[in-house]
Protein backbone atom coordinates (compact mmCIF):
# COMPACT_ATOMS: atom_id res chain seq x y z
CA MET A 1 113.44 -19.65 234.55
CA PRO A 2 114.68 -20.36 237.91
CA ILE A 3 117.95 -18.68 239.09
CA ARG A 4 119.54 -21.99 239.72
CA LEU A 5 119.14 -22.97 236.09
CA ILE A 6 120.21 -19.73 234.88
CA ALA A 7 123.31 -19.94 237.08
CA LYS A 8 124.01 -23.38 235.62
CA GLU A 9 123.73 -22.25 231.98
CA LEU A 10 126.05 -19.19 232.78
CA TYR A 11 128.52 -21.55 234.24
CA ARG A 12 128.31 -23.88 231.15
CA LEU A 13 128.75 -20.92 228.67
CA ILE A 14 131.80 -19.46 230.74
CA LYS A 15 133.38 -23.04 230.39
CA GLU A 16 132.61 -23.10 226.66
CA VAL A 17 134.09 -19.59 225.95
CA ASP A 18 137.27 -20.64 227.79
CA LYS A 19 137.34 -23.94 225.66
CA VAL A 20 136.93 -21.96 222.41
CA ARG A 21 139.71 -19.39 223.39
CA GLU A 22 142.12 -22.18 224.06
CA GLN A 23 141.04 -23.67 220.81
CA ILE A 24 141.81 -20.39 219.00
CA GLU A 25 145.37 -20.30 220.56
CA THR A 26 146.26 -23.64 218.81
CA ALA A 27 144.06 -23.47 215.64
CA ARG A 28 145.20 -23.61 212.16
CA PRO A 29 144.56 -20.63 210.10
CA GLU A 30 141.73 -22.02 208.09
CA GLN A 31 139.93 -22.69 211.34
CA LEU A 32 140.31 -19.29 212.88
CA GLU A 33 137.44 -17.49 211.39
CA LYS A 34 135.01 -20.17 212.17
CA LEU A 35 136.14 -20.26 215.74
CA LYS A 36 136.27 -16.49 216.18
CA ASP A 37 132.59 -16.52 214.96
CA ARG A 38 131.66 -19.20 217.57
CA LEU A 39 133.53 -17.13 220.23
CA ARG A 40 131.54 -14.13 219.45
CA LYS A 41 128.23 -15.76 219.69
CA LEU A 42 129.01 -17.63 222.95
CA THR A 43 130.29 -14.41 224.56
CA ALA A 44 127.15 -12.65 223.58
CA GLU A 45 124.99 -15.53 225.02
CA ARG A 46 127.13 -15.58 228.22
CA ASP A 47 126.75 -11.82 228.43
CA ARG A 48 122.93 -12.11 228.13
CA MET A 49 122.61 -14.95 230.79
CA ARG A 50 124.82 -12.96 233.14
CA ASN A 51 122.56 -9.84 232.68
CA ILE A 52 119.44 -12.14 233.15
CA LEU A 53 120.98 -13.58 236.38
CA GLU A 54 121.93 -10.12 237.78
CA GLY A 55 118.36 -9.00 237.02
CA SER A 56 116.83 -11.97 238.78
CA LYS A 57 119.10 -11.06 241.82
CA GLU A 58 117.86 -7.66 241.93
CA LYS A 59 114.04 -8.48 241.99
CA LYS A 60 114.46 -10.36 245.24
């Protein structure tokens, strides 16, 4: 995957993580568990993309 696409995906994931964090702050109690699970998954994916991007930079 080209670095440019990885960077775009990373940016999208960062924005999505921020959005979910904001939703958690204003969420009703019955929504919290679902949002926290989504945040956990998005954070893991964001970290994975960040590691892929860092690895791609090191190869050059």
